[in-house]
């Protein structure tokens, strides 16, 4: 986890320095705007990784260690449910994509009535 945290921060800093993204997002060019979004996504990943790492250090205290272990066990046990849930969401998204693909005007419910 430490490697992910530090490498994502380094990659984001390199992108900012290489492409001058902070100044270029004000220009309005789509290429620079997408690079700015990519850097913000990398920073968001680094922030989540940092906070998870911060929670890890609460294991050393007797009062919070139990909750951190319980949280880890819940995350480990929920992974199969998350897999089935994501698969269901993808199935419904695919069905709606097919349903709305040929709709050129209005909503799909306009054709029903």
PDB file of N, CA and C in Angstrom:
ATOM      1  N   UNK A   1       0.821  -1.184   0.000  1.00  0.00           N
ATOM      2  CA  UNK A   1       0.000   0.000   0.000  1.00  0.00           C
ATOM      3  C   UNK A   1       0.871   1.257   0.000  1.00  0.00           C
ATOM      4  N   UNK A   2       1.987   1.191   0.687  1.00  0.00           N
ATOM      5  CA  UNK A   2       2.885   2.343   0.720  1.00  0.00           C
ATOM      6  C   UNK A   2       3.427   2.662  -0.668  1.00  0.00           C
ATOM      7  N   UNK A   3       3.741   1.626  -1.423  1.00  0.00           N
ATOM      8  CA  UNK A   3       4.270   1.824  -2.768  1.00  0.00           C
ATOM      9  C   UNK A   3       3.222   2.494  -3.649  1.00  0.00           C
ATOM     10  N   UNK A   4       1.963   2.071  -3.539  1.00  0.00           N
ATOM     11  CA  UNK A   4       0.883   2.694  -4.327  1.00  0.00           C
ATOM     12  C   UNK A   4       0.724   4.159  -3.960  1.00  0.00           C
ATOM     13  N   UNK A   5       0.773   4.451  -2.683  1.00  0.00           N
ATOM     14  CA  UNK A   5       0.612   5.837  -2.227  1.00  0.00           C
ATOM     15  C   UNK A   5       1.718   6.729  -2.771  1.00  0.00           C
ATOM     16  N   UNK A   6       2.946   6.335  -2.544  1.00  0.00           N
ATOM     17  CA  UNK A   6       4.062   7.183  -2.958  1.00  0.00           C
ATOM     18  C   UNK A   6       4.203   7.246  -4.475  1.00  0.00           C
ATOM     19  N   UNK A   7       3.979   6.140  -5.159  1.00  0.00           N
ATOM     20  CA  UNK A   7       4.115   6.167  -6.618  1.00  0.00           C
ATOM     21  C   UNK A   7       3.016   6.984  -7.269  1.00  0.00           C
ATOM     22  N   UNK A   8       1.804   6.951  -6.743  1.00  0.00           N
ATOM     23  CA  UNK A   8       0.735   7.763  -7.342  1.00  0.00           C
ATOM     24  C   UNK A   8       0.988   9.255  -7.135  1.00  0.00           C
ATOM     25  N   UNK A   9       1.519   9.633  -6.002  1.00  0.00           N
ATOM     26  CA  UNK A   9       1.856  11.039  -5.778  1.00  0.00           C
ATOM     27  C   UNK A   9       2.988  11.463  -6.714  1.00  0.00           C
ATOM     28  N   UNK A  10       3.984  10.620  -6.895  1.00  0.00           N
ATOM     29  CA  UNK A  10       5.106  10.946  -7.781  1.00  0.00           C
ATOM     30  C   UNK A  10       4.629  11.065  -9.224  1.00  0.00           C
ATOM     31  N   UNK A  11       3.780  10.134  -9.667  1.00  0.00           N
ATOM     32  CA  UNK A  11       3.255  10.192 -11.045  1.00  0.00           C
ATOM     33  C   UNK A  11       2.449  11.467 -11.254  1.00  0.00           C
ATOM     34  N   UNK A  12       1.609  11.813 -10.294  1.00  0.00           N
ATOM     35  CA  UNK A  12       0.805  13.035 -10.428  1.00  0.00           C
ATOM     36  C   UNK A  12       1.694  14.274 -10.477  1.00  0.00           C
ATOM     37  N   UNK A  13       2.717  14.311  -9.656  1.00  0.00           N
ATOM     38  CA  UNK A  13       3.620  15.468  -9.670  1.00  0.00           C
ATOM     39  C   UNK A  13       4.395  15.552 -10.978  1.00  0.00           C
ATOM     40  N   UNK A  14       4.806  14.410 -11.518  1.00  0.00           N
ATOM     41  CA  UNK A  14       5.501  14.410 -12.810  1.00  0.00           C
ATOM     42  C   UNK A  14       4.582  14.919 -13.910  1.00  0.00           C
ATOM     43  N   UNK A  15       3.327  14.472 -13.896  1.00  0.00           N
ATOM     44  CA  UNK A  15       2.373  14.939 -14.913  1.00  0.00           C
ATOM     45  C   UNK A  15       2.125  16.435 -14.815  1.00  0.00           C
ATOM     46  N   UNK A  16       2.029  16.938 -13.602  1.00  0.00           N
ATOM     47  CA  UNK A  16       1.821  18.380 -13.436  1.00  0.00           C
ATOM     48  C   UNK A  16       3.032  19.148 -13.942  1.00  0.00           C
ATOM     49  N   UNK A  17       4.225  18.675 -13.606  1.00  0.00           N
ATOM     50  CA  UNK A  17       5.435  19.365 -14.050  1.00  0.00           C
ATOM     51  C   UNK A  17       5.689  19.221 -15.538  1.00  0.00           C
ATOM     52  N   UNK A  18       5.407  18.055 -16.083  1.00  0.00           N
ATOM     53  CA  UNK A  18       5.695  17.789 -17.510  1.00  0.00           C
ATOM     54  C   UNK A  18       4.739  18.516 -18.437  1.00  0.00           C
ATOM     55  N   UNK A  19       3.459  18.488 -18.112  1.00  0.00           N
ATOM     56  CA  UNK A  19       2.456  19.066 -19.005  1.00  0.00           C
ATOM     57  C   UNK A  19       1.939  20.415 -18.538  1.00  0.00           C
ATOM     58  N   UNK A  20       2.437  20.911 -17.416  1.00  0.00           N
ATOM     59  CA  UNK A  20       2.011  22.199 -16.870  1.00  0.00           C
ATOM     60  C   UNK A  20       0.487  22.234 -16.759  1.00  0.00           C
ATOM     61  N   UNK A  21      -0.066  21.254 -16.102  1.00  0.00           N
ATOM     62  CA  UNK A  21      -1.514  21.034 -16.091  1.00  0.00           C
ATOM     63  C   UNK A  21      -2.255  22.084 -15.282  1.00  0.00           C
ATOM     64  N   UNK A  22      -1.700  22.553 -14.201  1.00  0.00           N
ATOM     65  CA  UNK A  22      -2.442  23.500 -13.366  1.00  0.00           C
ATOM     66  C   UNK A  22      -2.764  24.779 -14.135  1.00  0.00           C
ATOM     67  N   UNK A  23      -1.840  25.271 -14.958  1.00  0.00           N
ATOM     68  CA  UNK A  23      -2.103  26.468 -15.737  1.00  0.00           C
ATOM     69  C   UNK A  23      -2.906  26.166 -16.992  1.00  0.00           C
ATOM     70  N   UNK A  24      -2.722  24.972 -17.557  1.00  0.00           N
ATOM     71  CA  UNK A  24      -3.342  24.668 -18.837  1.00  0.00           C
ATOM     72  C   UNK A  24      -4.819  24.326 -18.713  1.00  0.00           C
ATOM     73  N   UNK A  25      -5.308  24.004 -17.533  1.00  0.00           N
ATOM     74  CA  UNK A  25      -6.728  23.710 -17.399  1.00  0.00           C
ATOM     75  C   UNK A  25      -7.569  24.963 -17.558  1.00  0.00           C
ATOM     76  N   UNK A  26      -6.956  26.122 -17.417  1.00  0.00           N
ATOM     77  CA  UNK A  26      -7.690  27.365 -17.590  1.00  0.00           C
ATOM     78  C   UNK A  26      -7.831  27.758 -19.054  1.00  0.00           C
ATOM     79  N   UNK A  27      -7.063  27.128 -19.939  1.00  0.00           N
ATOM     80  CA  UNK A  27      -7.069  27.483 -21.358  1.00  0.00           C
ATOM     81  C   UNK A  27      -8.365  27.065 -22.021  1.00  0.00           C
ATOM     82  N   UNK A  28      -8.907  25.923 -21.658  1.00  0.00           N
ATOM     83  CA  UNK A  28     -10.138  25.439 -22.256  1.00  0.00           C
ATOM     84  C   UNK A  28      -9.920  24.367 -23.301  1.00  0.00           C
ATOM     85  N   UNK A  29      -8.676  23.979 -23.531  1.00  0.00           N
ATOM     86  CA  UNK A  29      -8.378  22.920 -24.483  1.00  0.00           C
ATOM     87  C   UNK A  29      -8.781  21.584 -23.870  1.00  0.00           C
ATOM     88  N   UNK A  30      -9.452  20.742 -24.649  1.00  0.00           N
ATOM     89  CA  UNK A  30      -9.957  19.471 -24.143  1.00  0.00           C
ATOM     90  C   UNK A  30      -8.825  18.527 -23.730  1.00  0.00           C
ATOM     91  N   UNK A  31      -7.721  18.553 -24.455  1.00  0.00           N
ATOM     92  CA  UNK A  31      -6.598  17.674 -24.115  1.00  0.00           C
ATOM     93  C   UNK A  31      -6.052  18.014 -22.746  1.00  0.00           C
ATOM     94  N   UNK A  32      -5.856  19.290 -22.483  1.00  0.00           N
ATOM     95  CA  UNK A  32      -5.338  19.702 -21.184  1.00  0.00           C
ATOM     96  C   UNK A  32      -6.359  19.458 -20.081  1.00  0.00           C
ATOM     97  N   UNK A  33      -7.631  19.643 -20.370  1.00  0.00           N
ATOM     98  CA  UNK A  33      -8.668  19.391 -19.360  1.00  0.00           C
ATOM     99  C   UNK A  33      -8.717  17.923 -18.989  1.00  0.00           C
ATOM    100  N   UNK A  34      -8.565  17.034 -19.978  1.00  0.00           N
ATOM    101  CA  UNK A  34      -8.581  15.608 -19.664  1.00  0.00           C
ATOM    102  C   UNK A  34      -7.348  15.206 -18.875  1.00  0.00           C
ATOM    103  N   UNK A  35      -6.214  15.843 -19.161  1.00  0.00           N
ATOM    104  CA  UNK A  35      -5.009  15.563 -18.366  1.00  0.00           C
ATOM    105  C   UNK A  35      -5.196  16.030 -16.934  1.00  0.00           C
ATOM    106  N   UNK A  36      -5.861  17.178 -16.768  1.00  0.00           N
ATOM    107  CA  UNK A  36      -6.148  17.669 -15.421  1.00  0.00           C
ATOM    108  C   UNK A  36      -7.051  16.726 -14.659  1.00  0.00           C
ATOM    109  N   UNK A  37      -8.044  16.146 -15.348  1.00  0.00           N
ATOM    110  CA  UNK A  37      -8.928  15.174 -14.708  1.00  0.00           C
ATOM    111  C   UNK A  37      -8.159  13.923 -14.317  1.00  0.00           C
ATOM    112  N   UNK A  38      -7.224  13.508 -15.154  1.00  0.00           N
ATOM    113  CA  UNK A  38      -6.426  12.319 -14.841  1.00  0.00           C
ATOM    114  C   UNK A  38      -5.570  12.554 -13.603  1.00  0.00           C
ATOM    115  N   UNK A  39      -4.983  13.726 -13.506  1.00  0.00           N
ATOM    116  CA  UNK A  39      -4.148  14.030 -12.340  1.00  0.00           C
ATOM    117  C   UNK A  39      -5.004  14.090 -11.080  1.00  0.00           C
ATOM    118  N   UNK A  40      -6.202  14.688 -11.181  1.00  0.00           N
ATOM    119  CA  UNK A  40      -7.083  14.725 -10.012  1.00  0.00           C
ATOM    120  C   UNK A  40      -7.515  13.314  -9.607  1.00  0.00           C
ATOM    121  N   UNK A  41      -7.721  12.426 -10.568  1.00  0.00           N
ATOM    122  CA  UNK A  41      -8.075  11.036 -10.251  1.00  0.00           C
ATOM    123  C   UNK A  41      -6.919  10.337  -9.545  1.00  0.00           C
ATOM    124  N   UNK A  42      -5.692  10.597  -9.986  1.00  0.00           N
ATOM    125  CA  UNK A  42      -4.523  10.000  -9.334  1.00  0.00           C
ATOM    126  C   UNK A  42      -4.388  10.529  -7.914  1.00  0.00           C
ATOM    127  N   UNK A  43      -4.604  11.828  -7.736  1.00  0.00           N
ATOM    128  CA  UNK A  43      -4.552  12.400  -6.391  1.00  0.00           C
ATOM    129  C   UNK A  43      -5.666  11.848  -5.501  1.00  0.00           C
ATOM    130  N   UNK A  44      -6.844  11.620  -6.057  1.00  0.00           N
ATOM    131  CA  UNK A  44      -7.941  11.037  -5.278  1.00  0.00           C
ATOM    132  C   UNK A  44      -7.580   9.631  -4.824  1.00  0.00           C
ATOM    133  N   UNK A  45      -6.983   8.838  -5.719  1.00  0.00           N
ATOM    134  CA  UNK A  45      -6.522   7.498  -5.344  1.00  0.00           C
ATOM    135  C   UNK A  45      -5.479   7.578  -4.234  1.00  0.00           C
ATOM    136  N   UNK A  46      -4.567   8.517  -4.351  1.00  0.00           N
ATOM    137  CA  UNK A  46      -3.533   8.682  -3.321  1.00  0.00           C
ATOM    138  C   UNK A  46      -4.157   9.095  -1.990  1.00  0.00           C
ATOM    139  N   UNK A  47      -5.182   9.933  -2.026  1.00  0.00           N
ATOM    140  CA  UNK A  47      -5.840  10.363  -0.788  1.00  0.00           C
ATOM    141  C   UNK A  47      -6.542   9.193  -0.106  1.00  0.00           C
ATOM    142  N   UNK A  48      -7.249   8.374  -0.884  1.00  0.00           N
ATOM    143  CA  UNK A  48      -7.915   7.204  -0.300  1.00  0.00           C
ATOM    144  C   UNK A  48      -6.881   6.256   0.301  1.00  0.00           C
ATOM    145  N   UNK A  49      -5.795   6.031  -0.422  1.00  0.00           N
ATOM    146  CA  UNK A  49      -4.740   5.146   0.077  1.00  0.00           C
ATOM    147  C   UNK A  49      -4.129   5.698   1.362  1.00  0.00           C
ATOM    148  N   UNK A  50      -3.946   7.005   1.426  1.00  0.00           N
ATOM    149  CA  UNK A  50      -3.367   7.620   2.611  1.00  0.00           C
ATOM    150  C   UNK A  50      -4.294   7.462   3.818  1.00  0.00           C
ATOM    151  N   UNK A  51      -5.599   7.669   3.632  1.00  0.00           N
ATOM    152  CA  UNK A  51      -6.533   7.545   4.744  1.00  0.00           C
ATOM    153  C   UNK A  51      -6.666   6.102   5.203  1.00  0.00           C
ATOM    154  N   UNK A  52      -6.618   5.141   4.292  1.00  0.00           N
ATOM    155  CA  UNK A  52      -6.657   3.733   4.686  1.00  0.00           C
ATOM    156  C   UNK A  52      -5.402   3.378   5.482  1.00  0.00           C
ATOM    157  N   UNK A  53      -4.280   3.914   5.045  1.00  0.00           N
ATOM    158  CA  UNK A  53      -3.032   3.688   5.775  1.00  0.00           C
ATOM    159  C   UNK A  53      -3.102   4.321   7.162  1.00  0.00           C
ATOM    160  N   UNK A  54      -3.730   5.484   7.255  1.00  0.00           N
ATOM    161  CA  UNK A  54      -3.907   6.152   8.544  1.00  0.00           C
ATOM    162  C   UNK A  54      -4.762   5.292   9.476  1.00  0.00           C
ATOM    163  N   UNK A  55      -5.835   4.694   8.948  1.00  0.00           N
ATOM    164  CA  UNK A  55      -6.673   3.816   9.766  1.00  0.00           C
ATOM    165  C   UNK A  55      -5.903   2.595  10.261  1.00  0.00           C
ATOM    166  N   UNK A  56      -4.960   2.141   9.472  1.00  0.00           N
ATOM    167  CA  UNK A  56      -4.166   0.970   9.833  1.00  0.00           C
ATOM    168  C   UNK A  56      -3.425   1.187  11.155  1.00  0.00           C
ATOM    169  N   UNK A  57      -2.995   2.411  11.411  1.00  0.00           N
ATOM    170  CA  UNK A  57      -2.236   2.684  12.629  1.00  0.00           C
ATOM    171  C   UNK A  57      -3.114   2.681  13.880  1.00  0.00           C
ATOM    172  N   UNK A  58      -4.422   2.703  13.740  1.00  0.00           N
ATOM    173  CA  UNK A  58      -5.302   2.625  14.905  1.00  0.00           C
ATOM    174  C   UNK A  58      -5.342   1.220  15.507  1.00  0.00           C
ATOM    175  N   UNK A  59      -4.748   0.246  14.829  1.00  0.00           N
ATOM    176  CA  UNK A  59      -4.734  -1.118  15.364  1.00  0.00           C
ATOM    177  C   UNK A  59      -3.896  -1.235  16.621  1.00  0.00           C
ATOM    178  N   UNK A  60      -2.959  -0.325  16.832  1.00  0.00           N
ATOM    179  CA  UNK A  60      -2.060  -0.455  17.985  1.00  0.00           C
ATOM    180  C   UNK A  60      -2.742  -0.079  19.299  1.00  0.00           C
ATOM    181  N   UNK A  61      -3.856   0.627  19.228  1.00  0.00           N
ATOM    182  CA  UNK A  61      -4.557   1.016  20.451  1.00  0.00           C
ATOM    183  C   UNK A  61      -5.587  -0.047  20.818  1.00  0.00           C
ATOM    184  N   UNK A  62      -5.709  -0.311  22.089  1.00  0.00           N
ATOM    185  CA  UNK A  62      -6.620  -1.349  22.549  1.00  0.00           C
ATOM    186  C   UNK A  62      -8.075  -0.982  22.255  1.00  0.00           C
ATOM    187  N   UNK A  63      -8.444   0.280  22.396  1.00  0.00           N
ATOM    188  CA  UNK A  63      -9.848   0.676  22.210  1.00  0.00           C
ATOM    189  C   UNK A  63     -10.264   0.706  20.749  1.00  0.00           C
ATOM    190  N   UNK A  64      -9.359   0.983  19.837  1.00  0.00           N
ATOM    191  CA  UNK A  64      -9.728   1.055  18.420  1.00  0.00           C
ATOM    192  C   UNK A  64      -9.286  -0.160  17.616  1.00  0.00           C
ATOM    193  N   UNK A  65      -8.386  -0.960  18.144  1.00  0.00           N
ATOM    194  CA  UNK A  65      -7.893  -2.129  17.413  1.00  0.00           C
ATOM    195  C   UNK A  65      -8.982  -3.116  17.064  1.00  0.00           C
ATOM    196  N   UNK A  66      -9.918  -3.313  17.978  1.00  0.00           N
ATOM    197  CA  UNK A  66     -11.019  -4.228  17.721  1.00  0.00           C
ATOM    198  C   UNK A  66     -11.845  -3.779  16.518  1.00  0.00           C
ATOM    199  N   UNK A  67     -12.120  -2.492  16.437  1.00  0.00           N
ATOM    200  CA  UNK A  67     -12.951  -1.975  15.341  1.00  0.00           C
ATOM    201  C   UNK A  67     -12.237  -2.057  13.994  1.00  0.00           C
ATOM    202  N   UNK A  68     -10.948  -1.837  13.989  1.00  0.00           N
ATOM    203  CA  UNK A  68     -10.192  -1.933  12.744  1.00  0.00           C
ATOM    204  C   UNK A  68     -10.157  -3.376  12.258  1.00  0.00           C
ATOM    205  N   UNK A  69      -9.948  -4.324  13.166  1.00  0.00           N
ATOM    206  CA  UNK A  69      -9.976  -5.740  12.779  1.00  0.00           C
ATOM    207  C   UNK A  69     -11.359  -6.144  12.284  1.00  0.00           C
ATOM    208  N   UNK A  70     -12.400  -5.643  12.944  1.00  0.00           N
ATOM    209  CA  UNK A  70     -13.763  -5.951  12.520  1.00  0.00           C
ATOM    210  C   UNK A  70     -14.037  -5.366  11.136  1.00  0.00           C
ATOM    211  N   UNK A  71     -13.588  -4.162  10.895  1.00  0.00           N
ATOM    212  CA  UNK A  71     -13.760  -3.515   9.593  1.00  0.00           C
ATOM    213  C   UNK A  71     -13.045  -4.315   8.501  1.00  0.00           C
ATOM    214  N   UNK A  72     -11.836  -4.771   8.779  1.00  0.00           N
ATOM    215  CA  UNK A  72     -11.100  -5.588   7.809  1.00  0.00           C
ATOM    216  C   UNK A  72     -11.849  -6.882   7.504  1.00  0.00           C
ATOM    217  N   UNK A  73     -12.396  -7.508   8.520  1.00  0.00           N
ATOM    218  CA  UNK A  73     -13.114  -8.764   8.312  1.00  0.00           C
ATOM    219  C   UNK A  73     -14.394  -8.546   7.508  1.00  0.00           C
ATOM    220  N   UNK A  74     -15.086  -7.456   7.759  1.00  0.00           N
ATOM    221  CA  UNK A  74     -16.305  -7.145   6.987  1.00  0.00           C
ATOM    222  C   UNK A  74     -15.953  -6.921   5.531  1.00  0.00           C
ATOM    223  N   UNK A  75     -14.884  -6.188   5.256  1.00  0.00           N
ATOM    224  CA  UNK A  75     -14.464  -5.941   3.874  1.00  0.00           C
ATOM    225  C   UNK A  75     -14.087  -7.256   3.193  1.00  0.00           C
ATOM    226  N   UNK A  76     -13.390  -8.131   3.896  1.00  0.00           N
ATOM    227  CA  UNK A  76     -13.019  -9.424   3.313  1.00  0.00           C
ATOM    228  C   UNK A  76     -14.246 -10.295   3.047  1.00  0.00           C
ATOM    229  N   UNK A  77     -15.235 -10.253   3.927  1.00  0.00           N
ATOM    230  CA  UNK A  77     -16.424 -11.081   3.753  1.00  0.00           C
ATOM    231  C   UNK A  77     -17.381 -10.530   2.701  1.00  0.00           C
ATOM    232  N   UNK A  78     -17.331  -9.243   2.440  1.00  0.00           N
ATOM    233  CA  UNK A  78     -18.287  -8.638   1.528  1.00  0.00           C
ATOM    234  C   UNK A  78     -17.832  -8.705   0.068  1.00  0.00           C
ATOM    235  N   UNK A  79     -16.636  -9.145  -0.211  1.00  0.00           N
ATOM    236  CA  UNK A  79     -16.095  -9.101  -1.567  1.00  0.00           C
ATOM    237  C   UNK A  79     -16.919  -9.903  -2.560  1.00  0.00           C
ATOM    238  N   UNK A  80     -17.472 -11.040  -2.147  1.00  0.00           N
ATOM    239  CA  UNK A  80     -18.283 -11.831  -3.075  1.00  0.00           C
ATOM    240  C   UNK A  80     -19.618 -11.145  -3.367  1.00  0.00           C
ATOM    241  N   UNK A  81     -20.184 -10.512  -2.344  1.00  0.00           N
ATOM    242  CA  UNK A  81     -21.407  -9.749  -2.569  1.00  0.00           C
ATOM    243  C   UNK A  81     -21.152  -8.592  -3.519  1.00  0.00           C
ATOM    244  N   UNK A  82     -20.050  -7.885  -3.343  1.00  0.00           N
ATOM    245  CA  UNK A  82     -19.710  -6.765  -4.224  1.00  0.00           C
ATOM    246  C   UNK A  82     -19.528  -7.255  -5.656  1.00  0.00           C
ATOM    247  N   UNK A  83     -18.915  -8.408  -5.842  1.00  0.00           N
ATOM    248  CA  UNK A  83     -18.741  -8.969  -7.180  1.00  0.00           C
ATOM    249  C   UNK A  83     -20.092  -9.223  -7.841  1.00  0.00           C
ATOM    250  N   UNK A  84     -21.012  -9.848  -7.124  1.00  0.00           N
ATOM    251  CA  UNK A  84     -22.347 -10.122  -7.678  1.00  0.00           C
ATOM    252  C   UNK A  84     -23.098  -8.818  -7.923  1.00  0.00           C
ATOM    253  N   UNK A  85     -22.978  -7.862  -7.026  1.00  0.00           N
ATOM    254  CA  UNK A  85     -23.654  -6.572  -7.170  1.00  0.00           C
ATOM    255  C   UNK A  85     -23.153  -5.819  -8.402  1.00  0.00           C
ATOM    256  N   UNK A  86     -21.841  -5.763  -8.592  1.00  0.00           N
ATOM    257  CA  UNK A  86     -21.270  -5.076  -9.754  1.00  0.00           C
ATOM    258  C   UNK A  86     -21.679  -5.774 -11.040  1.00  0.00           C
ATOM    259  N   UNK A  87     -21.697  -7.087 -11.028  1.00  0.00           N
ATOM    260  CA  UNK A  87     -22.139  -7.833 -12.203  1.00  0.00           C
ATOM    261  C   UNK A  87     -23.599  -7.529 -12.541  1.00  0.00           C
ATOM    262  N   UNK A  88     -24.439  -7.396 -11.537  1.00  0.00           N
ATOM    263  CA  UNK A  88     -25.845  -7.046 -11.754  1.00  0.00           C
ATOM    264  C   UNK A  88     -25.978  -5.637 -12.311  1.00  0.00           C
ATOM    265  N   UNK A  89     -25.230  -4.697 -11.780  1.00  0.00           N
ATOM    266  CA  UNK A  89     -25.259  -3.318 -12.283  1.00  0.00           C
ATOM    267  C   UNK A  89     -24.821  -3.277 -13.741  1.00  0.00           C
ATOM    268  N   UNK A  90     -23.781  -4.006 -14.087  1.00  0.00           N
ATOM    269  CA  UNK A  90     -23.302  -4.048 -15.472  1.00  0.00           C
ATOM    270  C   UNK A  90     -24.362  -4.659 -16.379  1.00  0.00           C
ATOM    271  N   UNK A  91     -25.059  -5.689 -15.909  1.00  0.00           N
ATOM    272  CA  UNK A  91     -26.112  -6.318 -16.716  1.00  0.00           C
ATOM    273  C   UNK A  91     -27.246  -5.344 -17.001  1.00  0.00           C
ATOM    274  N   UNK A  92     -27.686  -4.607 -15.996  1.00  0.00           N
ATOM    275  CA  UNK A  92     -28.751  -3.626 -16.210  1.00  0.00           C
ATOM    276  C   UNK A  92     -28.277  -2.468 -17.090  1.00  0.00           C
ATOM    277  N   UNK A  93     -27.040  -2.033 -16.907  1.00  0.00           N
ATOM    278  CA  UNK A  93     -26.507  -0.971 -17.761  1.00  0.00           C
ATOM    279  C   UNK A  93     -26.443  -1.420 -19.212  1.00  0.00           C
ATOM    280  N   UNK A  94     -26.062  -2.647 -19.450  1.00  0.00           N
ATOM    281  CA  UNK A  94     -26.017  -3.188 -20.803  1.00  0.00           C
ATOM    282  C   UNK A  94     -27.418  -3.250 -21.406  1.00  0.00           C
ATOM    283  N   UNK A  95     -28.387  -3.694 -20.621  1.00  0.00           N
ATOM    284  CA  UNK A  95     -29.767  -3.759 -21.108  1.00  0.00           C
ATOM    285  C   UNK A  95     -30.288  -2.367 -21.467  1.00  0.00           C
ATOM    286  N   UNK A  96     -30.029  -1.367 -20.621  1.00  0.00           N
ATOM    287  CA  UNK A  96     -30.476  -0.001 -20.920  1.00  0.00           C
ATOM    288  C   UNK A  96     -29.736   0.571 -22.125  1.00  0.00           C
ATOM    289  N   UNK A  97     -28.467   0.222 -22.270  1.00  0.00           N
ATOM    290  CA  UNK A  97     -27.710   0.680 -23.434  1.00  0.00           C
ATOM    291  C   UNK A  97     -28.345   0.157 -24.718  1.00  0.00           C
ATOM    292  N   UNK A  98     -28.699  -1.110 -24.729  1.00  0.00           N
ATOM    293  CA  UNK A  98     -29.343  -1.690 -25.913  1.00  0.00           C
ATOM    294  C   UNK A  98     -30.716  -1.075 -26.129  1.00  0.00           C
ATOM    295  N   UNK A  99     -31.467  -0.885 -25.058  1.00  0.00           N
ATOM    296  CA  UNK A  99     -32.816  -0.332 -25.154  1.00  0.00           C
ATOM    297  C   UNK A  99     -32.814   1.097 -25.683  1.00  0.00           C
ATOM    298  N   UNK A 100     -31.854   1.897 -25.280  1.00  0.00           N
ATOM    299  CA  UNK A 100     -31.817   3.309 -25.661  1.00  0.00           C
ATOM    300  C   UNK A 100     -30.992   3.576 -26.914  1.00  0.00           C
ATOM    301  N   UNK A 101     -30.368   2.571 -27.494  1.00  0.00           N
ATOM    302  CA  UNK A 101     -29.457   2.780 -28.615  1.00  0.00           C
ATOM    303  C   UNK A 101     -30.156   3.363 -29.835  1.00  0.00           C
ATOM    304  N   UNK A 102     -31.340   2.899 -30.191  1.00  0.00           N
ATOM    305  CA  UNK A 102     -32.036   3.360 -31.383  1.00  0.00           C
ATOM    306  C   UNK A 102     -32.997   4.506 -31.109  1.00  0.00           C
ATOM    307  N   UNK A 103     -32.983   5.032 -29.916  1.00  0.00           N
ATOM    308  CA  UNK A 103     -33.888   6.128 -29.574  1.00  0.00           C
ATOM    309  C   UNK A 103     -33.278   7.445 -30.033  1.00  0.00           C
ATOM    310  N   UNK A 104     -33.836   8.033 -31.071  1.00  0.00           N
ATOM    311  CA  UNK A 104     -33.266   9.283 -31.586  1.00  0.00           C
ATOM    312  C   UNK A 104     -34.010  10.506 -31.048  1.00  0.00           C
ATOM    313  N   UNK A 105     -35.261  10.377 -30.649  1.00  0.00           N
ATOM    314  CA  UNK A 105     -36.006  11.529 -30.141  1.00  0.00           C
ATOM    315  C   UNK A 105     -36.728  11.151 -28.862  1.00  0.00           C
ATOM    316  N   UNK A 106     -36.715  12.059 -27.913  1.00  0.00           N
ATOM    317  CA  UNK A 106     -37.477  11.873 -26.688  1.00  0.00           C
ATOM    318  C   UNK A 106     -36.937  10.761 -25.805  1.00  0.00           C
ATOM    319  N   UNK A 107     -37.779  10.366 -24.882  1.00  0.00           N
ATOM    320  CA  UNK A 107     -37.415   9.283 -23.974  1.00  0.00           C
ATOM    321  C   UNK A 107     -37.942   7.977 -24.507  1.00  0.00           C
ATOM    322  N   UNK A 108     -37.468   6.858 -24.023  1.00  0.00           N
ATOM    323  CA  UNK A 108     -37.962   5.578 -24.529  1.00  0.00           C
ATOM    324  C   UNK A 108     -39.422   5.347 -24.199  1.00  0.00           C
ATOM    325  N   UNK A 109     -39.943   6.051 -23.186  1.00  0.00           N
ATOM    326  CA  UNK A 109     -41.328   5.864 -22.792  1.00  0.00           C
ATOM    327  C   UNK A 109     -42.291   6.668 -23.668  1.00  0.00           C
ATOM    328  N   UNK A 110     -41.769   7.612 -24.467  1.00  0.00           N
ATOM    329  CA  UNK A 110     -42.619   8.352 -25.397  1.00  0.00           C
ATOM    330  C   UNK A 110     -43.156   7.442 -26.474  1.00  0.00           C
ATOM    331  N   UNK A 111     -42.398   6.451 -26.889  1.00  0.00           N
ATOM    332  CA  UNK A 111     -42.847   5.538 -27.935  1.00  0.00           C
ATOM    333  C   UNK A 111     -43.905   4.572 -27.449  1.00  0.00           C
ATOM    334  N   UNK A 112     -43.949   4.314 -26.155  1.00  0.00           N
ATOM    335  CA  UNK A 112     -44.909   3.361 -25.612  1.00  0.00           C
ATOM    336  C   UNK A 112     -46.314   3.945 -25.626  1.00  0.00           C
ATOM    337  N   UNK A 113     -46.439   5.213 -25.265  1.00  0.00           N
ATOM    338  CA  UNK A 113     -47.778   5.819 -25.171  1.00  0.00           C
ATOM    339  C   UNK A 113     -48.295   6.308 -26.489  1.00  0.00           C
TER     340      UNK A 113
END
